[in-house]
PDB file of all heavy atoms in Angstrom:
ATOM      1  N   ASP A   1      -4.176 -12.208 -14.846  1.00  0.00           N
ATOM      2  CA  ASP A   1      -3.593 -13.503 -15.159  1.00  0.00           C
ATOM      3  C   ASP A   1      -2.436 -13.774 -14.194  1.00  0.00           C
ATOM      4  O   ASP A   1      -1.418 -13.076 -14.214  1.00  0.00           O
ATOM      5  CB  ASP A   1      -3.069 -13.517 -16.600  1.00  0.00           C
ATOM      6  CG  ASP A   1      -2.630 -14.902 -17.055  1.00  0.00           C
ATOM      7  OD1 ASP A   1      -1.991 -15.608 -16.242  1.00  0.00           O
ATOM      8  OD2 ASP A   1      -2.905 -15.260 -18.206  1.00  0.00           O
ATOM      9  N   PRO A   2      -2.566 -14.789 -13.311  1.00  0.00           N
ATOM     10  CA  PRO A   2      -1.516 -15.002 -12.307  1.00  0.00           C
ATOM     11  C   PRO A   2      -0.174 -15.372 -12.905  1.00  0.00           C
ATOM     12  O   PRO A   2       0.879 -15.058 -12.332  1.00  0.00           O
ATOM     13  CB  PRO A   2      -2.074 -16.150 -11.450  1.00  0.00           C
ATOM     14  CG  PRO A   2      -3.077 -16.829 -12.321  1.00  0.00           C
ATOM     15  CD  PRO A   2      -3.654 -15.750 -13.193  1.00  0.00           C
ATOM     16  N   GLU A   3      -0.175 -16.030 -14.061  1.00  0.00           N
ATOM     17  CA  GLU A   3       1.101 -16.386 -14.675  1.00  0.00           C
ATOM     18  C   GLU A   3       1.839 -15.136 -15.138  1.00  0.00           C
ATOM     19  O   GLU A   3       3.056 -15.000 -14.943  1.00  0.00           O
ATOM     20  CB  GLU A   3       0.870 -17.334 -15.849  1.00  0.00           C
ATOM     21  CG  GLU A   3       0.327 -18.702 -15.428  1.00  0.00           C
ATOM     22  CD  GLU A   3       0.061 -19.603 -16.621  1.00  0.00           C
ATOM     23  OE1 GLU A   3      -0.397 -19.092 -17.662  1.00  0.00           O
ATOM     24  OE2 GLU A   3       0.308 -20.803 -16.516  1.00  0.00           O
ATOM     25  N   LEU A   4       1.107 -14.206 -15.733  1.00  0.00           N
ATOM     26  CA  LEU A   4       1.747 -12.993 -16.229  1.00  0.00           C
ATOM     27  C   LEU A   4       2.187 -12.072 -15.099  1.00  0.00           C
ATOM     28  O   LEU A   4       3.200 -11.372 -15.216  1.00  0.00           O
ATOM     29  CB  LEU A   4       0.778 -12.244 -17.154  1.00  0.00           C
ATOM     30  CG  LEU A   4       0.451 -12.928 -18.477  1.00  0.00           C
ATOM     31  CD1 LEU A   4      -0.618 -12.145 -19.213  1.00  0.00           C
ATOM     32  CD2 LEU A   4       1.694 -13.068 -19.338  1.00  0.00           C
ATOM     33  N   LEU A   5       1.447 -12.077 -13.993  1.00  0.00           N
ATOM     34  CA  LEU A   5       1.787 -11.189 -12.883  1.00  0.00           C
ATOM     35  C   LEU A   5       3.179 -11.468 -12.332  1.00  0.00           C
ATOM     36  O   LEU A   5       3.830 -10.578 -11.778  1.00  0.00           O
ATOM     37  CB  LEU A   5       0.739 -11.324 -11.768  1.00  0.00           C
ATOM     38  CG  LEU A   5      -0.617 -10.674 -12.068  1.00  0.00           C
ATOM     39  CD1 LEU A   5      -1.626 -11.047 -11.002  1.00  0.00           C
ATOM     40  CD2 LEU A   5      -0.485  -9.154 -12.172  1.00  0.00           C
ATOM     41  N   PHE A   6       3.651 -12.695 -12.478  1.00  0.00           N
ATOM     42  CA  PHE A   6       4.992 -13.017 -11.993  1.00  0.00           C
ATOM     43  C   PHE A   6       6.073 -12.211 -12.716  1.00  0.00           C
ATOM     44  O   PHE A   6       7.170 -12.022 -12.191  1.00  0.00           O
ATOM     45  CB  PHE A   6       5.286 -14.511 -12.182  1.00  0.00           C
ATOM     46  CG  PHE A   6       4.778 -15.362 -11.055  1.00  0.00           C
ATOM     47  CD1 PHE A   6       3.802 -16.303 -11.290  1.00  0.00           C
ATOM     48  CD2 PHE A   6       5.287 -15.235  -9.775  1.00  0.00           C
ATOM     49  CE1 PHE A   6       3.330 -17.111 -10.256  1.00  0.00           C
ATOM     50  CE2 PHE A   6       4.825 -16.031  -8.741  1.00  0.00           C
ATOM     51  CZ  PHE A   6       3.845 -16.969  -8.985  1.00  0.00           C
ATOM     52  N   TYR A   7       5.765 -11.756 -13.918  1.00  0.00           N
ATOM     53  CA  TYR A   7       6.794 -11.120 -14.743  1.00  0.00           C
ATOM     54  C   TYR A   7       6.763  -9.596 -14.679  1.00  0.00           C
ATOM     55  O   TYR A   7       7.536  -8.936 -15.345  1.00  0.00           O
ATOM     56  CB  TYR A   7       6.627 -11.568 -16.201  1.00  0.00           C
ATOM     57  CG  TYR A   7       6.755 -13.050 -16.371  1.00  0.00           C
ATOM     58  CD1 TYR A   7       5.625 -13.861 -16.403  1.00  0.00           C
ATOM     59  CD2 TYR A   7       8.002 -13.648 -16.478  1.00  0.00           C
ATOM     60  CE1 TYR A   7       5.748 -15.232 -16.533  1.00  0.00           C
ATOM     61  CE2 TYR A   7       8.121 -15.015 -16.604  1.00  0.00           C
ATOM     62  CZ  TYR A   7       6.999 -15.802 -16.645  1.00  0.00           C
ATOM     63  OH  TYR A   7       7.099 -17.156 -16.770  1.00  0.00           O
ATOM     64  N   ARG A   8       5.879  -9.036 -13.875  1.00  0.00           N
ATOM     65  CA  ARG A   8       5.744  -7.592 -13.869  1.00  0.00           C
ATOM     66  C   ARG A   8       6.911  -6.945 -13.102  1.00  0.00           C
ATOM     67  O   ARG A   8       7.593  -7.583 -12.321  1.00  0.00           O
ATOM     68  CB  ARG A   8       4.420  -7.183 -13.227  1.00  0.00           C
ATOM     69  CG  ARG A   8       4.384  -7.319 -11.714  1.00  0.00           C
ATOM     70  CD  ARG A   8       2.964  -7.113 -11.211  1.00  0.00           C
ATOM     71  NE  ARG A   8       2.904  -7.031  -9.764  1.00  0.00           N
ATOM     72  CZ  ARG A   8       2.910  -8.062  -8.938  1.00  0.00           C
ATOM     73  NH1 ARG A   8       3.010  -9.287  -9.431  1.00  0.00           N
ATOM     74  NH2 ARG A   8       2.823  -7.896  -7.633  1.00  0.00           N
ATOM     75  N   VAL A   9       7.093  -5.663 -13.340  1.00  0.00           N
ATOM     76  CA  VAL A   9       8.054  -4.854 -12.595  1.00  0.00           C
ATOM     77  C   VAL A   9       7.299  -3.600 -12.134  1.00  0.00           C
ATOM     78  O   VAL A   9       6.631  -2.964 -12.940  1.00  0.00           O
ATOM     79  CB  VAL A   9       9.267  -4.461 -13.466  1.00  0.00           C
ATOM     80  CG1 VAL A   9      10.152  -3.475 -12.723  1.00  0.00           C
ATOM     81  CG2 VAL A   9      10.058  -5.704 -13.862  1.00  0.00           C
ATOM     82  N   PRO A  10       7.351  -3.235 -10.832  1.00  0.00           N
ATOM     83  CA  PRO A  10       8.156  -3.881  -9.787  1.00  0.00           C
ATOM     84  C   PRO A  10       7.609  -5.254  -9.401  1.00  0.00           C
ATOM     85  O   PRO A  10       6.419  -5.508  -9.518  1.00  0.00           O
ATOM     86  CB  PRO A  10       8.051  -2.903  -8.617  1.00  0.00           C
ATOM     87  CG  PRO A  10       6.749  -2.222  -8.829  1.00  0.00           C
ATOM     88  CD  PRO A  10       6.595  -2.089 -10.320  1.00  0.00           C
ATOM     89  N   ARG A  11       8.508  -6.132  -8.922  1.00  0.00           N
ATOM     90  CA  ARG A  11       8.133  -7.470  -8.544  1.00  0.00           C
ATOM     91  C   ARG A  11       7.353  -7.465  -7.247  1.00  0.00           C
ATOM     92  O   ARG A  11       7.460  -6.557  -6.437  1.00  0.00           O
ATOM     93  CB  ARG A  11       9.375  -8.364  -8.386  1.00  0.00           C
ATOM     94  CG  ARG A  11      10.365  -8.276  -9.518  1.00  0.00           C
ATOM     95  CD  ARG A  11       9.793  -8.755 -10.841  1.00  0.00           C
ATOM     96  NE  ARG A  11       9.438 -10.159 -10.836  1.00  0.00           N
ATOM     97  CZ  ARG A  11      10.328 -11.140 -10.968  1.00  0.00           C
ATOM     98  NH1 ARG A  11      11.610 -10.869 -11.071  1.00  0.00           N
ATOM     99  NH2 ARG A  11       9.930 -12.392 -10.982  1.00  0.00           N
ATOM    100  N   ALA A  12       6.568  -8.515  -7.022  1.00  0.00           N
ATOM    101  CA  ALA A  12       5.814  -8.654  -5.781  1.00  0.00           C
ATOM    102  C   ALA A  12       6.771  -8.787  -4.598  1.00  0.00           C
ATOM    103  O   ALA A  12       7.887  -9.291  -4.742  1.00  0.00           O
ATOM    104  CB  ALA A  12       4.921  -9.890  -5.866  1.00  0.00           C
ATOM    105  N   PRO A  13       6.355  -8.334  -3.396  1.00  0.00           N
ATOM    106  CA  PRO A  13       7.259  -8.386  -2.232  1.00  0.00           C
ATOM    107  C   PRO A  13       7.812  -9.773  -1.940  1.00  0.00           C
ATOM    108  O   PRO A  13       8.975  -9.911  -1.554  1.00  0.00           O
ATOM    109  CB  PRO A  13       6.366  -7.884  -1.092  1.00  0.00           C
ATOM    110  CG  PRO A  13       5.362  -7.013  -1.762  1.00  0.00           C
ATOM    111  CD  PRO A  13       5.090  -7.666  -3.085  1.00  0.00           C
ATOM    112  N   ASP A  14       6.990 -10.824  -2.101  1.00  0.00           N
ATOM    113  CA  ASP A  14       7.494 -12.156  -1.776  1.00  0.00           C
ATOM    114  C   ASP A  14       8.450 -12.685  -2.832  1.00  0.00           C
ATOM    115  O   ASP A  14       9.012 -13.761  -2.684  1.00  0.00           O
ATOM    116  CB  ASP A  14       6.349 -13.145  -1.538  1.00  0.00           C
ATOM    117  CG  ASP A  14       5.380 -13.227  -2.702  1.00  0.00           C
ATOM    118  OD1 ASP A  14       5.548 -12.473  -3.671  1.00  0.00           O
ATOM    119  OD2 ASP A  14       4.441 -14.043  -2.643  1.00  0.00           O
ATOM    120  N   MET A  15       8.643 -11.934  -3.913  1.00  0.00           N
ATOM    121  CA  MET A  15       9.656 -12.282  -4.898  1.00  0.00           C
ATOM    122  C   MET A  15      10.976 -11.568  -4.612  1.00  0.00           C
ATOM    123  O   MET A  15      11.943 -11.719  -5.356  1.00  0.00           O
ATOM    124  CB  MET A  15       9.181 -11.919  -6.315  1.00  0.00           C
ATOM    125  CG  MET A  15       7.943 -12.666  -6.797  1.00  0.00           C
ATOM    126  SD  MET A  15       8.235 -14.425  -7.078  1.00  0.00           S
ATOM    127  CE  MET A  15       7.515 -15.122  -5.589  1.00  0.00           C
ATOM    128  N   GLN A  16      10.990 -10.740  -3.547  1.00  0.00           N
ATOM    129  CA  GLN A  16      12.180  -9.944  -3.257  1.00  0.00           C
ATOM    130  C   GLN A  16      12.614 -10.092  -1.798  1.00  0.00           C
ATOM    131  O   GLN A  16      13.133  -9.159  -1.201  1.00  0.00           O
ATOM    132  CB  GLN A  16      11.897  -8.464  -3.547  1.00  0.00           C
ATOM    133  CG  GLN A  16      11.432  -8.210  -4.981  1.00  0.00           C
ATOM    134  CD  GLN A  16      11.050  -6.765  -5.201  1.00  0.00           C
ATOM    135  OE1 GLN A  16      11.909  -5.879  -5.176  1.00  0.00           O
ATOM    136  NE2 GLN A  16       9.780  -6.512  -5.409  1.00  0.00           N
ATOM    137  N   LEU A  17      12.403 -11.266  -1.218  1.00  0.00           N
ATOM    138  CA  LEU A  17      12.793 -11.493   0.169  1.00  0.00           C
ATOM    139  C   LEU A  17      14.300 -11.378   0.349  1.00  0.00           C
ATOM    140  O   LEU A  17      15.075 -11.739  -0.541  1.00  0.00           O
ATOM    141  CB  LEU A  17      12.335 -12.891   0.611  1.00  0.00           C
ATOM    142  CG  LEU A  17      10.832 -13.102   0.788  1.00  0.00           C
ATOM    143  CD1 LEU A  17      10.553 -14.576   1.053  1.00  0.00           C
ATOM    144  CD2 LEU A  17      10.301 -12.255   1.933  1.00  0.00           C
ATOM    145  N   ARG A  18      14.690 -10.881   1.538  1.00  0.00           N
ATOM    146  CA  ARG A  18      16.094 -10.806   1.918  1.00  0.00           C
ATOM    147  C   ARG A  18      16.284 -11.547   3.238  1.00  0.00           C
ATOM    148  O   ARG A  18      15.333 -11.727   3.998  1.00  0.00           O
ATOM    149  CB  ARG A  18      16.531  -9.345   2.049  1.00  0.00           C
ATOM    150  CG  ARG A  18      16.444  -8.591   0.725  1.00  0.00           C
ATOM    151  CD  ARG A  18      16.870  -7.138   0.865  1.00  0.00           C
ATOM    152  NE  ARG A  18      16.797  -6.477  -0.431  1.00  0.00           N
ATOM    153  CZ  ARG A  18      17.727  -6.532  -1.368  1.00  0.00           C
ATOM    154  NH1 ARG A  18      18.837  -7.224  -1.153  1.00  0.00           N
ATOM    155  NH2 ARG A  18      17.576  -5.906  -2.513  1.00  0.00           N
ATOM    156  N   PRO A  19      17.499 -11.997   3.518  1.00  0.00           N
ATOM    157  CA  PRO A  19      17.712 -12.758   4.757  1.00  0.00           C
ATOM    158  C   PRO A  19      17.190 -12.051   6.000  1.00  0.00           C
ATOM    159  O   PRO A  19      16.652 -12.686   6.910  1.00  0.00           O
ATOM    160  CB  PRO A  19      19.237 -12.926   4.790  1.00  0.00           C
ATOM    161  CG  PRO A  19      19.636 -12.914   3.345  1.00  0.00           C
ATOM    162  CD  PRO A  19      18.715 -11.928   2.693  1.00  0.00           C
ATOM    163  N   GLY A  20      17.309 -10.709   6.062  1.00  0.00           N
ATOM    164  CA  GLY A  20      16.842  -9.971   7.227  1.00  0.00           C
ATOM    165  C   GLY A  20      15.336  -9.972   7.387  1.00  0.00           C
ATOM    166  O   GLY A  20      14.813  -9.616   8.447  1.00  0.00           O
ATOM    167  N   ASP A  21      14.596 -10.372   6.315  1.00  0.00           N
ATOM    168  CA  ASP A  21      13.135 -10.406   6.402  1.00  0.00           C
ATOM    169  C   ASP A  21      12.632 -11.640   7.141  1.00  0.00           C
ATOM    170  O   ASP A  21      11.448 -11.717   7.485  1.00  0.00           O
ATOM    171  CB  ASP A  21      12.528 -10.392   4.990  1.00  0.00           C
ATOM    172  CG  ASP A  21      12.854  -9.108   4.234  1.00  0.00           C
ATOM    173  OD1 ASP A  21      12.982  -8.062   4.900  1.00  0.00           O
ATOM    174  OD2 ASP A  21      12.988  -9.168   3.002  1.00  0.00           O
ATOM    175  N   VAL A  22      13.491 -12.611   7.350  1.00  0.00           N
ATOM    176  CA  VAL A  22      13.092 -13.867   7.992  1.00  0.00           C
ATOM    177  C   VAL A  22      13.777 -13.952   9.358  1.00  0.00           C
ATOM    178  O   VAL A  22      15.020 -13.967   9.436  1.00  0.00           O
ATOM    179  CB  VAL A  22      13.475 -15.083   7.125  1.00  0.00           C
ATOM    180  CG1 VAL A  22      13.013 -16.375   7.794  1.00  0.00           C
ATOM    181  CG2 VAL A  22      12.871 -14.951   5.731  1.00  0.00           C
ATOM    182  N   ASP A  23      12.980 -13.995  10.417  1.00  0.00           N
ATOM    183  CA  ASP A  23      13.526 -14.021  11.770  1.00  0.00           C
ATOM    184  C   ASP A  23      14.121 -15.394  12.077  1.00  0.00           C
ATOM    185  O   ASP A  23      13.431 -16.424  12.014  1.00  0.00           O
ATOM    186  CB  ASP A  23      12.427 -13.692  12.773  1.00  0.00           C
ATOM    187  CG  ASP A  23      12.938 -13.702  14.200  1.00  0.00           C
ATOM    188  OD1 ASP A  23      13.720 -12.808  14.554  1.00  0.00           O
ATOM    189  OD2 ASP A  23      12.567 -14.634  14.953  1.00  0.00           O
ATOM    190  N   ALA A  24      15.405 -15.419  12.429  1.00  0.00           N
ATOM    191  CA  ALA A  24      16.106 -16.686  12.668  1.00  0.00           C
ATOM    192  C   ALA A  24      15.499 -17.456  13.827  1.00  0.00           C
ATOM    193  O   ALA A  24      15.397 -18.687  13.797  1.00  0.00           O
ATOM    194  CB  ALA A  24      17.589 -16.429  12.919  1.00  0.00           C
ATOM    195  N   GLY A  25      15.070 -16.747  14.866  1.00  0.00           N
ATOM    196  CA  GLY A  25      14.471 -17.420  16.011  1.00  0.00           C
ATOM    197  C   GLY A  25      13.169 -18.117  15.659  1.00  0.00           C
ATOM    198  O   GLY A  25      12.907 -19.236  16.111  1.00  0.00           O
ATOM    199  N   THR A  26      12.385 -17.465  14.820  1.00  0.00           N
ATOM    200  CA  THR A  26      11.115 -18.069  14.389  1.00  0.00           C
ATOM    201  C   THR A  26      11.377 -19.330  13.583  1.00  0.00           C
ATOM    202  O   THR A  26      10.732 -20.359  13.776  1.00  0.00           O
ATOM    203  CB  THR A  26      10.311 -17.057  13.548  1.00  0.00           C
ATOM    204  OG1 THR A  26      10.041 -15.899  14.337  1.00  0.00           O
ATOM    205  CG2 THR A  26       9.008 -17.669  13.068  1.00  0.00           C
ATOM    206  N   VAL A  27      12.332 -19.246  12.687  1.00  0.00           N
ATOM    207  CA  VAL A  27      12.662 -20.413  11.868  1.00  0.00           C
ATOM    208  C   VAL A  27      13.119 -21.571  12.750  1.00  0.00           C
ATOM    209  O   VAL A  27      12.755 -22.731  12.520  1.00  0.00           O
ATOM    210  CB  VAL A  27      13.769 -20.053  10.841  1.00  0.00           C
ATOM    211  CG1 VAL A  27      14.230 -21.296  10.096  1.00  0.00           C
ATOM    212  CG2 VAL A  27      13.270 -18.992   9.867  1.00  0.00           C
ATOM    213  N   ARG A  28      13.896 -21.263  13.789  1.00  0.00           N
ATOM    214  CA  ARG A  28      14.438 -22.307  14.662  1.00  0.00           C
ATOM    215  C   ARG A  28      13.343 -22.965  15.517  1.00  0.00           C
ATOM    216  O   ARG A  28      13.365 -24.160  15.759  1.00  0.00           O
ATOM    217  CB  ARG A  28      15.508 -21.704  15.564  1.00  0.00           C
ATOM    218  CG  ARG A  28      16.197 -22.725  16.483  1.00  0.00           C
ATOM    219  CD  ARG A  28      17.234 -22.064  17.376  1.00  0.00           C
ATOM    220  NE  ARG A  28      16.636 -21.052  18.245  1.00  0.00           N
ATOM    221  CZ  ARG A  28      16.840 -19.734  18.112  1.00  0.00           C
ATOM    222  NH1 ARG A  28      17.621 -19.275  17.160  1.00  0.00           N
ATOM    223  NH2 ARG A  28      16.265 -18.882  18.943  1.00  0.00           N
ATOM    224  N   ASP A  29      12.349 -22.180  15.940  1.00  0.00           N
ATOM    225  CA  ASP A  29      11.402 -22.665  16.937  1.00  0.00           C
ATOM    226  C   ASP A  29      10.147 -23.311  16.357  1.00  0.00           C
ATOM    227  O   ASP A  29       9.509 -24.121  17.025  1.00  0.00           O
ATOM    228  CB  ASP A  29      10.985 -21.516  17.863  1.00  0.00           C
ATOM    229  CG  ASP A  29      12.169 -20.977  18.663  1.00  0.00           C
ATOM    230  OD1 ASP A  29      13.152 -21.733  18.841  1.00  0.00           O
ATOM    231  OD2 ASP A  29      12.106 -19.809  19.094  1.00  0.00           O
ATOM    232  N   VAL A  30       9.758 -22.957  15.144  1.00  0.00           N
ATOM    233  CA  VAL A  30       8.491 -23.486  14.620  1.00  0.00           C
ATOM    234  C   VAL A  30       8.697 -24.868  14.008  1.00  0.00           C
ATOM    235  O   VAL A  30       9.781 -25.201  13.522  1.00  0.00           O
ATOM    236  CB  VAL A  30       7.878 -22.540  13.562  1.00  0.00           C
ATOM    237  CG1 VAL A  30       7.557 -21.196  14.182  1.00  0.00           C
ATOM    238  CG2 VAL A  30       8.808 -22.382  12.361  1.00  0.00           C
ATOM    239  N   GLY A  31       7.626 -25.682  14.060  1.00  0.00           N
ATOM    240  CA  GLY A  31       7.704 -27.014  13.465  1.00  0.00           C
ATOM    241  C   GLY A  31       7.602 -26.978  11.960  1.00  0.00           C
ATOM    242  O   GLY A  31       8.245 -27.755  11.246  1.00  0.00           O
ATOM    243  N   VAL A  32       6.767 -26.066  11.443  1.00  0.00           N
ATOM    244  CA  VAL A  32       6.574 -25.934   9.999  1.00  0.00           C
ATOM    245  C   VAL A  32       6.652 -24.457   9.649  1.00  0.00           C
ATOM    246  O   VAL A  32       6.028 -23.621  10.311  1.00  0.00           O
ATOM    247  CB  VAL A  32       5.210 -26.505   9.560  1.00  0.00           C
ATOM    248  CG1 VAL A  32       5.007 -26.279   8.065  1.00  0.00           C
ATOM    249  CG2 VAL A  32       5.107 -27.984   9.893  1.00  0.00           C
ATOM    250  N   LEU A  33       7.412 -24.132   8.622  1.00  0.00           N
ATOM    251  CA  LEU A  33       7.544 -22.743   8.165  1.00  0.00           C
ATOM    252  C   LEU A  33       7.117 -22.664   6.711  1.00  0.00           C
ATOM    253  O   LEU A  33       7.647 -23.381   5.863  1.00  0.00           O
ATOM    254  CB  LEU A  33       8.991 -22.269   8.310  1.00  0.00           C
ATOM    255  CG  LEU A  33       9.261 -20.832   7.813  1.00  0.00           C
ATOM    256  CD1 LEU A  33       8.571 -19.821   8.697  1.00  0.00           C
ATOM    257  CD2 LEU A  33      10.762 -20.566   7.745  1.00  0.00           C
ATOM    258  N   TRP A  34       6.145 -21.809   6.441  1.00  0.00           N
ATOM    259  CA  TRP A  34       5.659 -21.626   5.070  1.00  0.00           C
ATOM    260  C   TRP A  34       6.123 -20.260   4.585  1.00  0.00           C
ATOM    261  O   TRP A  34       5.789 -19.237   5.176  1.00  0.00           O
ATOM    262  CB  TRP A  34       4.133 -21.698   5.042  1.00  0.00           C
ATOM    263  CG  TRP A  34       3.553 -21.585   3.661  1.00  0.00           C
ATOM    264  CD1 TRP A  34       3.363 -20.447   2.949  1.00  0.00           C
ATOM    265  CD2 TRP A  34       3.105 -22.655   2.832  1.00  0.00           C
ATOM    266  NE1 TRP A  34       2.826 -20.737   1.711  1.00  0.00           N
ATOM    267  CE2 TRP A  34       2.655 -22.084   1.620  1.00  0.00           C
ATOM    268  CE3 TRP A  34       3.047 -24.038   3.002  1.00  0.00           C
ATOM    269  CZ2 TRP A  34       2.144 -22.853   0.592  1.00  0.00           C
ATOM    270  CZ3 TRP A  34       2.538 -24.794   1.962  1.00  0.00           C
ATOM    271  CH2 TRP A  34       2.088 -24.212   0.770  1.00  0.00           C
ATOM    272  N   VAL A  35       6.909 -20.243   3.524  1.00  0.00           N
ATOM    273  CA  VAL A  35       7.395 -18.989   2.944  1.00  0.00           C
ATOM    274  C   VAL A  35       7.004 -18.970   1.480  1.00  0.00           C
ATOM    275  O   VAL A  35       7.318 -19.904   0.736  1.00  0.00           O
ATOM    276  CB  VAL A  35       8.936 -18.864   3.074  1.00  0.00           C
ATOM    277  CG1 VAL A  35       9.404 -17.547   2.456  1.00  0.00           C
ATOM    278  CG2 VAL A  35       9.358 -18.944   4.528  1.00  0.00           C
TER     279      VAL A  35
END
Protein backbone atom coordinates (compact mmCIF):
# COMPACT_ATOMS: atom_id res chain seq x y z
CA ASP A 1 0.00 0.00 0.00
CA PRO A 2 1.79 3.19 -1.16
CA GLU A 3 0.01 5.35 1.40
CA LEU A 4 1.16 3.19 4.29
CA LEU A 5 4.72 2.89 2.98
CA PHE A 6 5.22 6.59 3.64
CA TYR A 7 4.94 5.92 7.37
CA ARG A 8 7.42 3.08 7.70
CA VAL A 9 10.73 3.25 9.56
CA PRO A 10 13.40 3.40 8.26
CA ARG A 11 12.10 6.06 5.88
CA ALA A 12 12.68 5.89 2.13
CA PRO A 13 15.86 7.65 0.91
CA ASP A 14 13.95 10.41 -0.89
CA MET A 15 12.26 11.23 2.41
CA GLN A 16 15.66 11.91 4.00
CA LEU A 17 17.39 14.23 1.52
CA ARG A 18 20.10 16.57 2.81
CA PRO A 19 21.46 19.73 1.17
CA GLY A 20 24.70 17.91 0.27
CA ASP A 21 22.70 15.35 -1.75
CA VAL A 22 21.73 18.00 -4.31
CA ASP A 23 24.51 19.37 -6.50
CA ALA A 24 24.32 23.18 -6.61
CA GLY A 25 25.80 23.36 -10.09
CA THR A 26 23.20 20.98 -11.48
CA VAL A 27 20.40 22.98 -9.92
CA ARG A 28 21.81 26.19 -11.40
CA ASP A 29 22.32 24.85 -14.93
CA VAL A 30 19.24 22.73 -15.67
CA GLY A 31 16.00 24.19 -16.98
CA VAL A 32 13.79 21.80 -15.02
CA LEU A 33 14.71 19.93 -11.83
CA TRP A 34 12.57 17.06 -10.57
CA VAL A 35 13.17 16.02 -6.96
